[in-house]
Protein backbone atom coordinates (compact mmCIF):
# COMPACT_ATOMS: atom_id res chain seq x y z
CA MET A 1 5.78 -77.17 -68.01
CA GLY A 2 2.87 -78.70 -66.18
CA LYS A 3 0.98 -76.93 -63.43
CA TRP A 4 0.73 -78.49 -59.96
CA PHE A 5 -1.75 -77.99 -57.14
CA ARG A 6 -2.28 -79.74 -53.80
CA LEU A 7 -5.25 -80.93 -51.76
CA HIS A 8 -4.76 -81.58 -48.02
CA LEU A 9 -7.06 -83.87 -46.02
CA VAL A 10 -6.94 -84.62 -42.29
CA ALA A 11 -5.93 -88.24 -41.69
CA GLY A 12 -8.69 -90.23 -40.00
CA VAL A 13 -9.53 -93.91 -39.98
CA ALA A 14 -6.83 -94.81 -42.48
CA ALA A 15 -4.18 -93.41 -40.15
CA VAL A 16 -5.32 -95.73 -37.39
CA MET A 17 -5.23 -98.67 -39.79
CA LEU A 18 -1.72 -97.80 -40.92
CA ILE A 19 -0.32 -97.64 -37.42
CA SER A 20 -1.94 -100.71 -35.83
CA VAL A 21 1.22 -102.75 -36.26
CA VAL A 22 2.79 -104.14 -33.11
CA SER A 23 -0.34 -104.74 -31.08
CA PRO A 24 -0.55 -106.61 -27.75
CA VAL A 25 -0.24 -110.33 -28.36
CA THR A 26 -3.39 -112.07 -29.53
CA ALA A 27 -3.81 -115.15 -31.65
CA ASP A 28 -6.27 -115.27 -34.47
CA ASP A 29 -7.95 -118.43 -33.12
CA PHE A 30 -7.26 -118.14 -29.40
CA ALA A 31 -10.60 -116.72 -28.21
CA GLY A 32 -12.56 -119.30 -30.19
CA ARG A 33 -10.37 -122.14 -28.97
CA SER A 34 -10.79 -120.98 -25.37
CA ALA A 35 -14.59 -120.91 -25.71
CA TYR A 36 -14.52 -124.35 -27.35
CA ARG A 37 -12.40 -125.71 -24.49
CA MET A 38 -15.02 -124.50 -22.01
CA GLY A 39 -17.83 -126.12 -24.01
CA ASN A 40 -19.37 -122.77 -24.90
CA TYR A 41 -20.03 -123.65 -28.52
CA ASP A 42 -22.24 -120.64 -29.26
CA LEU A 43 -19.45 -118.30 -28.24
CA ALA A 44 -16.90 -120.45 -30.06
CA ARG A 45 -18.93 -120.17 -33.26
CA THR A 46 -19.09 -116.40 -32.84
CA GLU A 47 -15.35 -116.05 -32.18
CA PHE A 48 -14.26 -118.41 -34.94
CA GLY A 49 -16.81 -116.88 -37.31
CA ALA A 50 -15.20 -113.47 -36.85
CA GLU A 51 -11.93 -114.85 -38.24
CA ALA A 52 -11.00 -116.17 -41.65
CA THR A 53 -8.15 -118.54 -40.88
CA SER A 54 -7.44 -122.20 -41.52
CA VAL A 55 -7.77 -122.86 -37.78
CA SER A 56 -11.12 -121.10 -37.42
CA ARG A 57 -12.47 -122.93 -40.47
CA PHE A 58 -11.40 -126.27 -39.02
CA PHE A 59 -13.17 -125.73 -35.71
CA LEU A 60 -16.30 -124.43 -37.42
CA ALA A 61 -16.22 -127.51 -39.67
CA LEU A 62 -15.80 -129.79 -36.65
CA MET A 63 -18.80 -128.23 -34.90
CA ASP A 64 -20.92 -128.45 -38.06
CA LEU A 65 -20.01 -132.09 -38.63
CA ARG A 66 -20.76 -132.99 -35.01
CA GLY A 67 -23.68 -130.65 -34.46
CA GLU A 68 -21.93 -128.87 -31.57
CA GLY A 69 -23.67 -125.63 -30.67
CA GLY A 70 -26.38 -126.11 -33.26
CA ARG A 71 -27.82 -128.52 -35.78
CA ARG A 72 -25.50 -130.72 -37.77
CA ASP A 73 -24.70 -129.20 -41.17
CA LEU A 74 -22.76 -131.75 -43.24
CA PRO A 75 -22.47 -129.76 -46.53
CA ARG A 76 -21.19 -126.63 -44.82
CA GLY A 77 -18.93 -128.63 -42.54
CA MET A 78 -17.31 -130.47 -45.44
CA GLU A 79 -16.80 -127.26 -47.41
CA LEU A 80 -15.09 -125.60 -44.45
CA LEU A 81 -13.01 -128.71 -43.82
CA ARG A 82 -11.80 -128.75 -47.43
CA GLN A 83 -10.94 -125.07 -47.25
CA SER A 84 -8.92 -125.56 -44.08
CA ALA A 85 -7.11 -128.57 -45.56
CA ASP A 86 -6.35 -126.61 -48.72
CA GLU A 87 -4.74 -124.01 -46.45
CA LYS A 88 -2.51 -126.77 -45.01
CA TYR A 89 -3.90 -126.91 -41.47
CA PHE A 90 -2.68 -130.25 -40.17
CA ALA A 91 -5.84 -131.18 -38.22
CA ALA A 92 -8.03 -130.56 -41.26
CA GLU A 93 -5.70 -132.60 -43.47
CA TYR A 94 -5.90 -135.48 -41.01
CA LEU A 95 -9.69 -135.41 -40.59
CA LEU A 96 -10.37 -135.04 -44.31
CA GLY A 97 -7.83 -137.77 -45.01
CA THR A 98 -9.63 -140.23 -42.72
CA ARG A 99 -12.95 -139.43 -44.37
CA TYR A 100 -11.54 -140.13 -47.81
CA LEU A 101 -9.84 -143.27 -46.48
CA TYR A 102 -12.96 -144.86 -45.02
CA GLY A 103 -15.58 -143.21 -47.23
CA VAL A 104 -17.27 -141.42 -44.33
CA GLU A 105 -20.33 -139.70 -45.86
CA MET A 106 -18.41 -139.35 -49.11
CA PRO A 107 -16.94 -141.68 -51.74
CA ALA A 108 -13.73 -143.34 -50.59
CA ASP A 109 -10.58 -142.15 -52.36
CA ARG A 110 -7.48 -143.89 -51.04
CA PRO A 111 -4.90 -141.90 -53.09
CA LYS A 112 -6.34 -138.59 -51.84
CA ALA A 113 -6.48 -139.97 -48.32
CA LYS A 114 -2.83 -140.99 -48.33
CA LYS A 115 -1.75 -137.63 -49.73
CA LEU A 116 -3.63 -135.75 -47.01
CA LEU A 117 -2.38 -138.04 -44.25
CA ALA A 118 1.20 -137.67 -45.45
CA ALA A 119 0.82 -133.88 -45.38
CA ALA A 120 -0.52 -134.01 -41.82
CA ALA A 121 2.27 -136.36 -40.75
CA ALA A 122 4.85 -133.97 -42.23
CA GLN A 123 3.44 -131.32 -39.87
CA ARG A 124 4.00 -133.67 -36.92
CA ASP A 125 0.40 -134.70 -36.33
CA TYR A 126 1.21 -138.01 -34.67
CA ARG A 127 -2.25 -139.41 -35.40
CA ALA A 128 -1.37 -139.33 -39.10
CA VAL A 129 2.04 -140.86 -38.41
CA ALA A 130 0.41 -143.70 -36.49
CA LEU A 131 -2.37 -144.26 -39.03
CA MET A 132 0.03 -144.48 -41.97
CA ASP A 133 2.04 -147.07 -40.05
CA ILE A 134 -1.16 -149.01 -39.30
CA LEU A 135 -2.20 -148.94 -42.95
CA GLY A 136 1.22 -150.26 -43.92
CA ARG A 137 0.64 -153.25 -41.66
CA GLY A 138 -2.95 -153.77 -42.79
CA SER A 139 -6.17 -151.91 -42.03
CA ARG A 140 -8.81 -153.59 -39.87
CA GLY A 141 -11.52 -151.07 -40.71
CA GLU A 142 -12.24 -147.59 -39.41
CA LYS A 143 -13.33 -148.45 -35.87
CA GLN A 144 -10.40 -150.73 -35.08
CA ASP A 145 -7.87 -148.50 -36.86
CA MET A 146 -8.95 -145.46 -34.83
CA LYS A 147 -8.54 -147.41 -31.58
CA ARG A 148 -5.08 -148.42 -32.69
CA VAL A 149 -4.24 -144.77 -33.50
CA VAL A 150 -5.17 -143.65 -29.97
CA ALA A 151 -3.11 -146.46 -28.46
CA ALA A 152 -0.12 -145.62 -30.65
CA VAL A 153 -0.25 -141.91 -29.77
CA ARG A 154 -0.50 -142.71 -26.05
CA LYS A 155 2.41 -145.14 -26.22
CA ALA A 156 4.66 -142.70 -28.07
CA ALA A 157 3.69 -139.84 -25.73
CA SER A 158 4.51 -141.93 -22.65
CA ARG A 159 7.92 -142.67 -24.14
CA GLY A 160 8.72 -138.97 -24.52
CA ASN A 161 7.90 -138.29 -28.16
CA ALA A 162 7.28 -134.51 -28.27
CA ALA A 163 4.99 -134.57 -31.31
CA ALA A 164 2.91 -137.39 -29.83
CA ARG A 165 2.56 -135.49 -26.56
CA ASN A 166 1.33 -132.36 -28.34
CA THR A 167 -1.01 -134.43 -30.49
CA LEU A 168 -2.47 -136.14 -27.42
CA GLY A 169 -3.10 -132.73 -25.85
CA PHE A 170 -4.94 -131.64 -28.98
CA MET A 171 -6.98 -134.85 -28.94
CA TYR A 172 -8.13 -134.03 -25.38
CA LEU A 173 -9.14 -130.56 -26.61
CA ILE A 174 -11.37 -131.77 -29.46
CA GLY A 175 -12.37 -135.16 -28.03
CA ASP A 176 -10.82 -137.32 -30.72
CA GLY A 177 -10.79 -140.91 -29.43
CA VAL A 178 -10.53 -139.59 -25.87
CA PRO A 179 -12.95 -137.53 -23.74
CA LYS A 180 -12.64 -133.75 -23.85
CA ALA A 181 -10.57 -132.91 -20.78
CA PRO A 182 -8.88 -129.49 -20.43
CA ALA A 183 -6.71 -130.65 -17.52
CA GLN A 184 -5.33 -133.53 -19.60
CA GLU A 185 -4.87 -131.22 -22.58
CA ILE A 186 -2.72 -128.85 -20.52
CA ARG A 187 -0.84 -131.74 -18.92
CA TRP A 188 0.25 -133.07 -22.30
CA TYR A 189 1.05 -129.62 -23.70
CA ARG A 190 3.37 -129.11 -20.74
CA ALA A 191 5.00 -132.48 -21.34
CA ALA A 192 5.39 -131.69 -25.04
CA ALA A 193 6.89 -128.25 -24.32
CA ALA A 194 9.34 -129.85 -21.88
CA ALA A 195 10.38 -132.16 -24.72
CA GLY A 196 10.91 -129.17 -27.02
CA ASP A 197 7.70 -129.15 -29.08
CA SER A 198 7.25 -125.68 -30.60
CA ARG A 199 3.50 -125.93 -31.21
CA ALA A 200 2.78 -126.89 -27.60
CA SER A 201 5.13 -124.17 -26.34
CA PHE A 202 3.30 -121.58 -28.42
CA MET A 203 -0.14 -122.63 -27.23
CA LEU A 204 0.92 -122.80 -23.58
CA SER A 205 2.53 -119.38 -23.89
CA LEU A 206 -0.78 -117.85 -24.96
CA MET A 207 -2.62 -119.69 -22.20
CA TYR A 208 -0.23 -118.25 -19.59
CA PHE A 209 -0.46 -114.81 -21.20
CA HIS A 210 -4.25 -114.79 -20.96
CA GLY A 211 -4.58 -116.87 -17.80
CA ASP A 212 -6.71 -119.37 -19.69
CA GLY A 213 -6.75 -122.70 -17.84
CA VAL A 214 -3.53 -121.81 -16.03
CA PRO A 215 -2.55 -118.92 -13.71
CA ARG A 216 -1.69 -115.74 -15.62
CA ASN A 217 2.11 -115.53 -15.77
CA GLN A 218 3.76 -113.13 -18.24
CA ALA A 219 7.31 -114.32 -17.54
CA GLU A 220 6.34 -117.93 -18.22
CA ALA A 221 4.49 -116.83 -21.35
CA ALA A 222 7.64 -115.12 -22.61
CA ARG A 223 9.85 -118.10 -21.75
CA LEU A 224 7.62 -120.52 -23.63
CA MET A 225 7.24 -118.19 -26.61
CA ARG A 226 11.01 -117.98 -26.92
CA ILE A 227 11.23 -121.79 -26.95
CA ALA A 228 8.68 -121.85 -29.77
CA ALA A 229 10.38 -119.04 -31.71
CA GLU A 230 13.84 -120.59 -31.47
CA ARG A 231 12.48 -123.65 -33.25
CA GLY A 232 11.63 -121.53 -36.24
CA GLY A 233 7.86 -120.98 -36.30
CA ALA A 234 7.01 -117.70 -38.04
CA ARG A 235 3.97 -117.01 -35.90
CA SER A 236 5.87 -117.62 -32.65
CA GLU A 237 8.73 -115.43 -33.92
CA PHE A 238 6.25 -112.62 -34.53
CA PHE A 239 4.63 -112.97 -31.13
CA LEU A 240 8.01 -113.08 -29.38
CA GLY A 241 8.75 -109.83 -31.19
CA THR A 242 5.60 -108.31 -29.73
CA PHE A 243 6.67 -109.48 -26.26
CA TYR A 244 9.98 -107.65 -26.68
CA TYR A 245 8.23 -104.63 -28.15
CA HIS A 246 5.93 -104.19 -25.15
CA GLY A 247 8.23 -105.64 -22.47
CA THR A 248 5.80 -108.48 -21.77
CA GLY A 249 7.42 -110.81 -19.25
CA ILE A 250 10.88 -109.72 -20.43
CA PRO A 251 12.69 -106.36 -20.53
CA GLN A 252 11.50 -104.14 -23.36
CA ASP A 253 13.95 -104.26 -26.27
CA LYS A 254 12.91 -102.68 -29.57
CA ALA A 255 15.99 -104.02 -31.38
CA GLN A 256 15.11 -107.58 -30.38
CA ALA A 257 11.52 -106.89 -31.36
CA ALA A 258 12.62 -105.83 -34.83
CA PHE A 259 14.94 -108.86 -35.10
CA TRP A 260 12.21 -111.41 -34.35
CA ILE A 261 9.48 -109.64 -36.31
CA GLY A 262 11.88 -109.37 -39.24
CA LYS A 263 12.58 -113.12 -39.10
CA ALA A 264 8.85 -113.82 -39.23
CA ALA A 265 8.43 -111.39 -42.13
CA GLU A 266 11.17 -113.17 -44.08
CA LYS A 267 9.08 -116.36 -43.78
CA GLY A 268 6.06 -114.65 -45.30
CA TYR A 269 3.99 -114.10 -42.14
CA GLU A 270 1.75 -111.23 -43.24
CA GLU A 271 1.25 -109.54 -39.84
CA ALA A 272 5.03 -109.48 -39.44
CA GLU A 273 5.47 -108.05 -42.94
CA TYR A 274 3.12 -105.20 -42.07
CA ALA A 275 4.68 -104.58 -38.65
CA TYR A 276 8.25 -104.79 -39.92
CA GLY A 277 7.47 -102.41 -42.76
CA MET A 278 6.16 -99.86 -40.30
CA MET A 279 9.15 -100.30 -37.99
CA LEU A 280 11.50 -99.67 -40.91
CA LEU A 281 9.48 -96.64 -41.88
CA ALA A 282 9.66 -95.15 -38.38
CA GLY A 283 13.14 -96.32 -37.42
CA ASP A 284 11.55 -98.05 -34.44
CA GLY A 285 14.11 -100.56 -33.18
CA VAL A 286 15.82 -100.67 -36.56
CA THR A 287 17.55 -98.20 -38.88
CA VAL A 288 15.14 -96.27 -41.07
CA ASP A 289 14.95 -97.80 -44.55
CA LYS A 290 12.02 -96.35 -46.44
CA THR A 291 12.54 -98.34 -49.61
CA ARG A 292 12.44 -101.65 -47.76
CA ALA A 293 9.53 -100.37 -45.66
CA VAL A 294 7.38 -99.94 -48.76
CA ASP A 295 8.44 -103.36 -50.05
CA TRP A 296 7.21 -105.03 -46.84
CA LEU A 297 3.98 -103.04 -46.76
CA VAL A 298 3.22 -104.04 -50.32
CA LYS A 299 4.00 -107.70 -49.56
CA ALA A 300 1.59 -107.62 -46.62
CA ALA A 301 -1.11 -105.99 -48.72
CA LYS A 302 -0.73 -108.57 -51.49
CA GLN A 303 -1.20 -111.33 -48.90
CA GLY A 304 -4.51 -109.84 -47.84
CA ASN A 305 -3.44 -107.87 -44.78
CA THR A 306 -6.37 -105.56 -44.22
CA GLY A 307 -4.34 -102.79 -42.63
CA ALA A 308 -1.91 -102.54 -45.52
CA GLN A 309 -4.67 -102.91 -48.08
CA ALA A 310 -6.75 -100.18 -46.46
CA VAL A 311 -3.85 -97.74 -46.53
CA LEU A 312 -3.10 -98.37 -50.20
CA ARG A 313 -6.77 -98.21 -51.16
CA GLU A 314 -7.27 -94.95 -49.26
CA LEU A 315 -4.26 -93.41 -50.89
CA VAL A 316 -5.55 -94.24 -54.34
CA ALA A 317 -9.22 -93.58 -53.65
CA LEU A 318 -8.82 -90.18 -51.97
CA ARG A 319 -8.92 -88.02 -55.06
CA THR A 320 -11.22 -85.19 -56.06
CA LYS A 321 -13.53 -85.42 -59.03
CA ALA A 322 -13.49 -81.63 -59.30
CA ALA A 323 -9.81 -81.76 -60.13
CA GLY A 324 -10.51 -84.15 -62.94
CA ALA A 325 -8.34 -86.93 -61.56
CA PRO A 326 -8.31 -90.05 -63.76
CA ALA A 327 -9.97 -93.13 -62.32
CA ILE A 328 -7.77 -95.92 -61.04
CA ASP A 329 -8.54 -99.59 -60.65
CA LEU A 330 -8.83 -99.98 -56.87
CA SER A 331 -8.51 -103.78 -56.87
CA MET A 332 -5.42 -105.19 -55.19
CA PRO A 333 -2.62 -106.34 -57.53
CA ARG A 334 -2.74 -109.97 -58.57
CA LYS A 335 0.52 -110.27 -60.47
CA GLU A 336 4.08 -109.28 -59.71
CA GLY A 337 4.71 -105.75 -60.93
CA GLU A 338 1.10 -104.52 -60.72
CA LEU A 339 1.62 -102.49 -57.54
CA TYR A 340 -0.69 -99.55 -58.28
CA ASP A 341 1.75 -98.57 -60.96
CA THR A 342 0.54 -96.96 -64.21
CA GLY A 343 3.89 -97.61 -65.82
CA VAL A 344 4.85 -93.93 -65.49
CA GLY A 345 5.83 -93.86 -61.81
CA GLY A 346 5.86 -96.15 -58.82
CA THR A 347 5.54 -96.47 -55.07
CA TYR A 348 8.14 -94.68 -52.96
CA LEU A 349 8.59 -92.81 -49.66
CA GLN A 350 9.30 -89.15 -49.04
CA GLY A 351 9.89 -87.67 -45.58
CA LYS A 352 7.49 -89.32 -43.13
CA GLY A 353 4.94 -90.09 -45.80
CA VAL A 354 4.06 -92.76 -48.33
CA VAL A 355 3.87 -91.51 -51.90
CA LEU A 356 2.17 -93.26 -54.78
CA ASP A 357 3.42 -91.69 -58.00
CA GLN A 358 0.72 -92.20 -60.63
CA GLY A 359 2.34 -90.12 -63.36
CA ASP A 360 -0.47 -87.60 -63.76
CA TYR A 361 -0.64 -87.10 -60.02
CA SER A 362 0.84 -88.33 -56.75
CA LEU A 363 -0.73 -89.17 -53.41
CA LYS A 364 1.15 -88.68 -50.17
CA PHE A 365 0.10 -89.83 -46.70
CA SER A 366 2.03 -88.28 -43.81
CA LEU A 367 1.89 -88.65 -40.03
CA PRO A 368 2.94 -86.36 -37.20
CA ASP A 369 5.14 -88.91 -35.39
CA LEU A 370 5.11 -92.62 -36.10
CA THR A 371 7.01 -93.61 -32.96
CA ASP A 372 4.66 -91.72 -30.64
CA ALA A 373 1.69 -93.18 -32.49
CA TYR A 374 2.24 -96.70 -31.27
CA ALA A 375 4.02 -96.00 -28.00
CA PRO A 376 1.97 -96.59 -24.85
CA PRO A 377 0.16 -93.55 -23.39
CA PRO A 378 2.78 -91.55 -21.41
CA ALA A 379 0.75 -91.26 -18.21
CA PRO A 380 -2.53 -92.34 -16.61
CA GLY A 381 -5.39 -90.38 -18.11
CA ALA A 382 -3.47 -89.51 -21.28
CA PRO A 383 -5.29 -90.18 -24.56
CA SER A 384 -5.06 -93.87 -25.44
CA ASP A 385 -7.15 -93.48 -28.59
CA LEU A 386 -4.80 -93.77 -31.57
CA LYS A 387 -7.04 -91.57 -33.68
CA THR A 388 -6.74 -88.76 -31.12
CA ARG A 389 -2.98 -89.16 -30.83
CA LEU A 390 -2.52 -89.09 -34.61
CA GLN A 391 -4.30 -85.81 -35.29
CA GLY A 392 -2.14 -83.63 -37.49
CA GLY A 393 -1.38 -86.23 -40.10
CA LYS A 394 -2.47 -85.34 -43.63
CA PHE A 395 -3.25 -86.78 -47.01
CA GLU A 396 -1.60 -84.70 -49.68
CA ILE A 397 -2.87 -85.24 -53.20
CA ILE A 398 -0.78 -83.57 -55.87
CA PHE A 399 -2.28 -83.25 -59.36
CA ARG A 400 -0.42 -82.29 -62.50
CA THR A 401 -2.57 -80.64 -65.19
CA GLY A 402 -1.53 -79.51 -68.61
CA LYS A 403 1.56 -80.45 -70.54
């Protein structure tokens, strides 16, 4: 029989990372976009630079290519633009497609251009829709074609086309063929939302939530986010879930929060995967299901979610050399089935903790009360610091020695 012994460690930073799941609504690119809208390019660069998303890369590329907020940097701008397009951001696909089409500071490549424009059009960027139609009727060169694109978008928007209205709003944001004009941007987002456009509804919702360019109105933010979510966007489904979770503009409803966050998780939205995993673990708005909870946490970690990754890394890394624990590869799994599994055991849950069974030893992370951890402070002056409220959680590392 093997001999077992345990090492207990107070949970610190990793506990905070594990529990930061259903946070107040923020969008990964919203602060940068807001600064860009105001013409504060230095701040926009800082905000976008703090993110690593397809949207942030597009705006950084745009500023580099135009020299907004600094000197023009064509090589860096093109690299960021390609990265954003590779990540399927519609605006990057459109801009890169036009550069390949007309050979703007790069060799022309019509097949690549058409592929990128078709991808942007499939995401309802009406500029791409209009340009492909123009090309089918015969190009007149970049300058004339771009004028025709603007005219086509305006015409479709005036006739009630929701995608064209949203596209025209975006054009007023970045100054593409029209002057930058926040008032016109908002006008066309409103018109697009009224016509049922999910992207415009989502953006307007965040603007009302933050009071950015419009009066702060939580009820209107919730109404618009629901419109966006009901049209199937994973990000809007997740944010609607956070509205229900916190009672933002609508009555608090944890079951509805779990429903919408779960829908977003099913579509592969990593923040939702992480949040839904934690809700399943705690039974917060949904029946406790620890097996599924671990599955969602692992999915989020494999997608690069820093919270989930940090928890798994801490669990594996917190071992004692004095106990002679074998070293483990701390890199995140790259293939299906490589989930910190030595082949002897696996990942599972026990009680209120996560256990990684490594065969020779197991690592368990437990918390005092998951529900209390991410509930709002009970009263004014009560500790709002998650680290303070989570004291009492432990890491438990169990080593087996001998045979």
